[in-house]
Amino acid sequence: MNIAAYMVAGISVLTVITSMVYSFPLAEVVGSSMKPTLLDGDVILCCRFYKPTLGNIYVYDSPSGLRVVKRLFAVNDKKECFFVGDNREYSTDSREYGYVSQKTIVAEVIFHKKRGKNNEGTKNT
């Protein structure tokens, strides 16, 4: 192989890695609004390619400007989403600020790793 072939291969690998990092971002859960499903400190793997499905967990930009993790509870005719935290007593969610645009969804949570050394990961379905 000549140097041009190595450069093309290197650029291809870099492009794939960059695409994977963008398409499947990792994040850390902060707070208790999704207990017992997600705990403070859990790591979540997200996917930016999704079809909003009731009952699934999503990362979205809330009206307060915070990026939050909640469960999709309902979608209305205007394609707006109603999100609720699993720990309802300690969750600020759509019960307080109402429906939010589907465009605010950043990604779907597809896997989470419980904090701690011996805890296994769980696929979200």
N, C-alpha and C. Protein backbone atom coordinates (compact mmCIF):
# COMPACT_ATOMS: atom_id res chain seq x y z
N MET A 1 0.84 -1.20 0.00
CA MET A 1 0.00 0.00 0.00
C MET A 1 0.88 1.25 0.00
N ASN A 2 0.42 2.22 -0.71
CA ASN A 2 1.17 3.47 -0.72
C ASN A 2 0.60 4.41 0.34
N ILE A 3 1.22 5.55 0.51
CA ILE A 3 0.83 6.49 1.57
C ILE A 3 -0.58 7.02 1.38
N ALA A 4 -1.00 7.21 0.14
CA ALA A 4 -2.37 7.70 -0.12
C ALA A 4 -3.40 6.70 0.37
N ALA A 5 -3.14 5.42 0.17
CA ALA A 5 -4.07 4.37 0.62
C ALA A 5 -4.16 4.36 2.15
N TYR A 6 -3.05 4.54 2.84
CA TYR A 6 -3.06 4.62 4.30
C TYR A 6 -3.83 5.84 4.79
N MET A 7 -3.67 6.94 4.08
CA MET A 7 -4.38 8.16 4.47
C MET A 7 -5.89 7.98 4.30
N VAL A 8 -6.30 7.37 3.20
CA VAL A 8 -7.72 7.13 2.97
C VAL A 8 -8.28 6.20 4.04
N ALA A 9 -7.53 5.15 4.36
CA ALA A 9 -7.97 4.21 5.40
C ALA A 9 -8.08 4.91 6.75
N GLY A 10 -7.10 5.75 7.08
CA GLY A 10 -7.12 6.48 8.34
C GLY A 10 -8.29 7.45 8.44
N ILE A 11 -8.56 8.15 7.35
CA ILE A 11 -9.70 9.07 7.33
C ILE A 11 -11.01 8.31 7.47
N SER A 12 -11.09 7.15 6.82
CA SER A 12 -12.30 6.33 6.92
C SER A 12 -12.55 5.87 8.35
N VAL A 13 -11.51 5.41 9.02
CA VAL A 13 -11.64 4.96 10.40
C VAL A 13 -12.05 6.14 11.30
N LEU A 14 -11.43 7.27 11.12
CA LEU A 14 -11.76 8.46 11.90
C LEU A 14 -13.21 8.87 11.68
N THR A 15 -13.68 8.80 10.45
CA THR A 15 -15.06 9.14 10.13
C THR A 15 -16.04 8.19 10.83
N VAL A 16 -15.74 6.91 10.81
CA VAL A 16 -16.60 5.92 11.48
C VAL A 16 -16.63 6.16 12.98
N ILE A 17 -15.49 6.40 13.59
CA ILE A 17 -15.44 6.64 15.04
C ILE A 17 -16.20 7.91 15.40
N THR A 18 -16.02 8.97 14.63
CA THR A 18 -16.74 10.22 14.89
C THR A 18 -18.24 10.01 14.76
N SER A 19 -18.66 9.28 13.74
CA SER A 19 -20.09 9.00 13.54
C SER A 19 -20.65 8.20 14.71
N MET A 20 -19.91 7.23 15.20
CA MET A 20 -20.37 6.39 16.31
C MET A 20 -20.52 7.23 17.59
N VAL A 21 -19.55 8.08 17.86
CA VAL A 21 -19.60 8.91 19.07
C VAL A 21 -20.78 9.87 19.00
N TYR A 22 -21.05 10.43 17.84
CA TYR A 22 -22.19 11.34 17.69
C TYR A 22 -23.51 10.57 17.76
N SER A 23 -23.59 9.45 17.08
CA SER A 23 -24.85 8.70 16.98
C SER A 23 -25.22 7.97 18.26
N PHE A 24 -24.23 7.55 19.03
CA PHE A 24 -24.47 6.78 20.24
C PHE A 24 -23.73 7.39 21.44
N PRO A 25 -24.18 8.58 21.88
CA PRO A 25 -23.48 9.25 22.98
C PRO A 25 -23.70 8.56 24.33
N LEU A 26 -22.73 8.69 25.21
CA LEU A 26 -22.83 8.23 26.59
C LEU A 26 -23.14 9.42 27.48
N ALA A 27 -23.86 9.18 28.56
CA ALA A 27 -24.15 10.24 29.52
C ALA A 27 -24.26 9.62 30.91
N GLU A 28 -24.14 10.46 31.92
CA GLU A 28 -24.29 10.02 33.30
C GLU A 28 -25.58 10.59 33.87
N VAL A 29 -26.32 9.74 34.56
CA VAL A 29 -27.57 10.17 35.19
C VAL A 29 -27.25 10.99 36.43
N VAL A 30 -27.92 12.12 36.57
CA VAL A 30 -27.77 12.98 37.75
C VAL A 30 -29.15 13.15 38.36
N GLY A 31 -29.30 12.80 39.62
CA GLY A 31 -30.57 12.97 40.30
C GLY A 31 -31.34 11.67 40.49
N SER A 32 -32.52 11.80 41.12
CA SER A 32 -33.29 10.61 41.49
C SER A 32 -34.65 10.53 40.80
N SER A 33 -34.90 11.35 39.78
CA SER A 33 -36.23 11.39 39.18
C SER A 33 -36.61 10.13 38.41
N MET A 34 -35.63 9.29 38.08
CA MET A 34 -35.93 8.06 37.34
C MET A 34 -35.74 6.79 38.17
N LYS A 35 -35.62 6.94 39.51
CA LYS A 35 -35.53 5.77 40.38
C LYS A 35 -36.81 4.96 40.28
N PRO A 36 -36.80 3.68 40.33
CA PRO A 36 -35.66 2.79 40.53
C PRO A 36 -34.97 2.37 39.23
N THR A 37 -35.50 2.79 38.08
CA THR A 37 -34.93 2.35 36.80
C THR A 37 -33.52 2.85 36.59
N LEU A 38 -33.32 4.14 36.78
CA LEU A 38 -32.01 4.76 36.63
C LEU A 38 -31.65 5.46 37.94
N LEU A 39 -30.44 5.23 38.40
CA LEU A 39 -29.98 5.82 39.65
C LEU A 39 -28.94 6.90 39.38
N ASP A 40 -28.80 7.81 40.32
CA ASP A 40 -27.78 8.84 40.24
C ASP A 40 -26.43 8.18 40.03
N GLY A 41 -25.72 8.56 38.99
CA GLY A 41 -24.41 7.98 38.70
C GLY A 41 -24.43 6.87 37.66
N ASP A 42 -25.60 6.34 37.31
CA ASP A 42 -25.67 5.33 36.25
C ASP A 42 -25.19 5.94 34.93
N VAL A 43 -24.63 5.11 34.09
CA VAL A 43 -24.19 5.55 32.77
C VAL A 43 -25.20 5.04 31.75
N ILE A 44 -25.62 5.92 30.84
CA ILE A 44 -26.60 5.53 29.82
C ILE A 44 -25.97 5.66 28.43
N LEU A 45 -26.32 4.69 27.58
CA LEU A 45 -25.94 4.74 26.17
C LEU A 45 -27.18 5.14 25.41
N CYS A 46 -27.05 6.15 24.59
CA CYS A 46 -28.20 6.69 23.86
C CYS A 46 -28.03 6.49 22.36
N CYS A 47 -29.14 6.60 21.65
CA CYS A 47 -29.12 6.52 20.19
C CYS A 47 -29.88 7.71 19.63
N ARG A 48 -29.24 8.44 18.72
CA ARG A 48 -29.87 9.62 18.14
C ARG A 48 -30.86 9.26 17.03
N PHE A 49 -30.94 7.99 16.64
CA PHE A 49 -31.88 7.55 15.62
C PHE A 49 -32.97 6.75 16.31
N TYR A 50 -34.17 7.26 16.34
CA TYR A 50 -35.24 6.65 17.14
C TYR A 50 -36.60 6.98 16.52
N LYS A 51 -37.58 6.20 16.89
CA LYS A 51 -38.98 6.50 16.60
C LYS A 51 -39.64 6.58 17.97
N PRO A 52 -40.15 7.74 18.38
CA PRO A 52 -40.74 7.86 19.71
C PRO A 52 -41.78 6.78 19.99
N THR A 53 -41.54 6.03 21.06
CA THR A 53 -42.40 4.91 21.44
C THR A 53 -42.80 5.08 22.89
N LEU A 54 -44.11 5.00 23.15
CA LEU A 54 -44.59 5.14 24.52
C LEU A 54 -43.92 4.12 25.44
N GLY A 55 -43.53 4.58 26.61
CA GLY A 55 -42.90 3.71 27.59
C GLY A 55 -41.38 3.68 27.53
N ASN A 56 -40.80 4.14 26.43
CA ASN A 56 -39.35 4.16 26.33
C ASN A 56 -38.79 5.42 27.00
N ILE A 57 -37.50 5.39 27.29
CA ILE A 57 -36.85 6.48 28.01
C ILE A 57 -36.05 7.32 27.02
N TYR A 58 -36.17 8.65 27.17
CA TYR A 58 -35.52 9.57 26.24
C TYR A 58 -34.77 10.67 26.99
N VAL A 59 -33.76 11.20 26.33
CA VAL A 59 -33.07 12.41 26.76
C VAL A 59 -33.66 13.54 25.92
N TYR A 60 -34.08 14.61 26.58
CA TYR A 60 -34.65 15.74 25.84
C TYR A 60 -34.34 17.04 26.56
N ASP A 61 -34.49 18.13 25.83
CA ASP A 61 -34.27 19.46 26.39
C ASP A 61 -35.59 19.97 26.96
N SER A 62 -35.63 20.14 28.28
CA SER A 62 -36.86 20.58 28.95
C SER A 62 -37.04 22.10 28.76
N PRO A 63 -38.25 22.60 29.01
CA PRO A 63 -38.49 24.04 28.89
C PRO A 63 -37.61 24.89 29.81
N SER A 64 -37.11 24.30 30.89
CA SER A 64 -36.24 25.05 31.80
C SER A 64 -34.83 25.22 31.24
N GLY A 65 -34.55 24.54 30.12
CA GLY A 65 -33.23 24.62 29.53
C GLY A 65 -32.32 23.48 29.93
N LEU A 66 -32.77 22.64 30.85
CA LEU A 66 -31.97 21.49 31.28
C LEU A 66 -32.18 20.31 30.34
N ARG A 67 -31.14 19.55 30.12
CA ARG A 67 -31.25 18.29 29.38
C ARG A 67 -31.58 17.22 30.41
N VAL A 68 -32.72 16.53 30.23
CA VAL A 68 -33.22 15.60 31.23
C VAL A 68 -33.52 14.23 30.63
N VAL A 69 -33.68 13.25 31.51
CA VAL A 69 -34.00 11.87 31.13
C VAL A 69 -35.34 11.52 31.75
N LYS A 70 -36.32 11.17 30.92
CA LYS A 70 -37.66 10.80 31.41
C LYS A 70 -38.27 9.76 30.49
N ARG A 71 -39.36 9.16 30.95
CA ARG A 71 -40.09 8.16 30.18
C ARG A 71 -41.20 8.84 29.37
N LEU A 72 -41.35 8.42 28.10
CA LEU A 72 -42.41 8.98 27.25
C LEU A 72 -43.74 8.37 27.66
N PHE A 73 -44.65 9.22 28.10
CA PHE A 73 -45.93 8.79 28.64
C PHE A 73 -47.06 8.93 27.62
N ALA A 74 -47.01 9.98 26.78
CA ALA A 74 -48.07 10.20 25.79
C ALA A 74 -47.56 11.09 24.67
N VAL A 75 -48.22 10.96 23.50
CA VAL A 75 -47.97 11.84 22.36
C VAL A 75 -49.33 12.30 21.87
N ASN A 76 -49.48 13.62 21.67
CA ASN A 76 -50.78 14.12 21.21
C ASN A 76 -50.81 14.26 19.68
N ASP A 77 -51.94 14.69 19.14
CA ASP A 77 -52.12 14.83 17.69
C ASP A 77 -51.18 15.84 17.06
N LYS A 78 -50.67 16.77 17.87
CA LYS A 78 -49.75 17.79 17.36
C LYS A 78 -48.31 17.31 17.38
N LYS A 79 -48.09 16.00 17.62
CA LYS A 79 -46.74 15.42 17.72
C LYS A 79 -45.96 16.01 18.87
N GLU A 80 -46.64 16.36 19.94
CA GLU A 80 -45.97 16.83 21.16
C GLU A 80 -45.92 15.67 22.15
N CYS A 81 -44.89 15.69 22.99
CA CYS A 81 -44.64 14.58 23.92
C CYS A 81 -44.88 14.97 25.37
N PHE A 82 -45.39 14.02 26.13
CA PHE A 82 -45.62 14.18 27.56
C PHE A 82 -44.70 13.20 28.27
N PHE A 83 -43.73 13.73 29.01
CA PHE A 83 -42.73 12.91 29.69
C PHE A 83 -42.97 12.89 31.19
N VAL A 84 -42.70 11.74 31.82
CA VAL A 84 -42.87 11.60 33.26
C VAL A 84 -41.68 10.81 33.82
N GLY A 85 -41.17 11.25 34.97
CA GLY A 85 -40.12 10.50 35.64
C GLY A 85 -40.70 9.31 36.38
N ASP A 86 -39.93 8.24 36.50
CA ASP A 86 -40.40 7.04 37.20
C ASP A 86 -40.61 7.30 38.69
N ASN A 87 -39.82 8.17 39.26
CA ASN A 87 -39.93 8.52 40.67
C ASN A 87 -40.79 9.79 40.76
N ARG A 88 -42.08 9.61 40.59
CA ARG A 88 -43.00 10.74 40.38
C ARG A 88 -42.97 11.78 41.50
N GLU A 89 -42.72 11.34 42.72
CA GLU A 89 -42.71 12.28 43.84
C GLU A 89 -41.55 13.28 43.73
N TYR A 90 -40.46 12.85 43.09
CA TYR A 90 -39.26 13.69 43.02
C TYR A 90 -38.89 14.05 41.58
N SER A 91 -39.86 14.13 40.69
CA SER A 91 -39.58 14.43 39.29
C SER A 91 -40.29 15.70 38.84
N THR A 92 -39.51 16.59 38.23
CA THR A 92 -40.10 17.75 37.56
C THR A 92 -40.20 17.35 36.10
N ASP A 93 -41.43 17.27 35.59
CA ASP A 93 -41.64 16.73 34.25
C ASP A 93 -42.87 17.37 33.61
N SER A 94 -43.44 16.73 32.62
CA SER A 94 -44.56 17.30 31.88
C SER A 94 -45.80 17.53 32.74
N ARG A 95 -45.88 16.91 33.88
CA ARG A 95 -47.00 17.18 34.78
C ARG A 95 -46.94 18.62 35.27
N GLU A 96 -45.74 19.19 35.27
CA GLU A 96 -45.55 20.57 35.69
C GLU A 96 -45.55 21.54 34.51
N TYR A 97 -44.84 21.19 33.42
CA TYR A 97 -44.71 22.13 32.31
C TYR A 97 -45.46 21.74 31.04
N GLY A 98 -46.19 20.64 31.06
CA GLY A 98 -47.02 20.26 29.92
C GLY A 98 -46.26 19.55 28.81
N TYR A 99 -46.94 19.41 27.68
CA TYR A 99 -46.35 18.75 26.52
C TYR A 99 -45.17 19.57 25.99
N VAL A 100 -44.20 18.87 25.42
CA VAL A 100 -43.06 19.52 24.78
C VAL A 100 -42.96 19.03 23.33
N SER A 101 -42.37 19.84 22.49
CA SER A 101 -42.23 19.48 21.08
C SER A 101 -41.37 18.24 20.93
N GLN A 102 -41.75 17.40 19.97
CA GLN A 102 -40.97 16.20 19.68
C GLN A 102 -39.56 16.58 19.24
N LYS A 103 -39.39 17.79 18.74
CA LYS A 103 -38.09 18.27 18.29
C LYS A 103 -37.11 18.45 19.44
N THR A 104 -37.60 18.47 20.68
CA THR A 104 -36.71 18.63 21.83
C THR A 104 -36.00 17.32 22.21
N ILE A 105 -36.47 16.20 21.64
CA ILE A 105 -35.83 14.91 21.95
C ILE A 105 -34.44 14.88 21.34
N VAL A 106 -33.46 14.53 22.17
CA VAL A 106 -32.08 14.44 21.73
C VAL A 106 -31.73 13.01 21.34
N ALA A 107 -32.17 12.04 22.15
CA ALA A 107 -31.82 10.65 21.89
C ALA A 107 -32.67 9.72 22.76
N GLU A 108 -32.70 8.47 22.37
CA GLU A 108 -33.38 7.43 23.14
C GLU A 108 -32.34 6.67 23.96
N VAL A 109 -32.66 6.37 25.20
CA VAL A 109 -31.78 5.57 26.04
C VAL A 109 -31.96 4.11 25.62
N ILE A 110 -30.87 3.48 25.18
CA ILE A 110 -30.98 2.10 24.71
C ILE A 110 -30.31 1.09 25.63
N PHE A 111 -29.48 1.57 26.57
CA PHE A 111 -28.77 0.68 27.48
C PHE A 111 -28.33 1.50 28.68
N HIS A 112 -28.34 0.88 29.85
CA HIS A 112 -27.78 1.59 31.00
C HIS A 112 -26.98 0.64 31.87
N LYS A 113 -25.93 1.19 32.45
CA LYS A 113 -25.03 0.45 33.33
C LYS A 113 -25.20 1.00 34.73
N LYS A 114 -25.65 0.14 35.64
CA LYS A 114 -25.81 0.56 37.03
C LYS A 114 -24.47 0.93 37.62
N ARG A 115 -24.50 1.91 38.49
CA ARG A 115 -23.25 2.32 39.15
C ARG A 115 -22.77 1.18 40.03
N GLY A 116 -21.49 1.14 40.28
CA GLY A 116 -20.91 0.08 41.10
C GLY A 116 -20.17 -0.92 40.23
N LYS A 117 -19.28 -1.67 40.83
CA LYS A 117 -18.39 -2.55 40.09
C LYS A 117 -19.06 -3.82 39.57
N ASN A 118 -19.94 -4.42 40.33
CA ASN A 118 -20.47 -5.73 39.96
C ASN A 118 -21.87 -5.70 39.37
N ASN A 119 -22.35 -4.53 39.02
CA ASN A 119 -23.70 -4.43 38.48
C ASN A 119 -23.67 -4.60 36.97
N GLU A 120 -24.55 -5.45 36.47
CA GLU A 120 -24.64 -5.71 35.04
C GLU A 120 -25.44 -4.61 34.35
N GLY A 121 -25.22 -4.43 33.08
CA GLY A 121 -25.98 -3.47 32.30
C GLY A 121 -27.35 -4.03 31.95
N THR A 122 -28.25 -3.14 31.58
CA THR A 122 -29.61 -3.54 31.22
C THR A 122 -30.00 -2.88 29.91
N LYS A 123 -30.48 -3.70 28.98
CA LYS A 123 -30.97 -3.17 27.71
C LYS A 123 -32.37 -2.66 27.91
N ASN A 124 -32.65 -1.45 27.43
CA ASN A 124 -34.00 -0.89 27.54
C ASN A 124 -34.79 -1.31 26.32
N THR A 125 -35.97 -1.89 26.57
CA THR A 125 -36.82 -2.33 25.46
C THR A 125 -38.19 -1.73 25.58
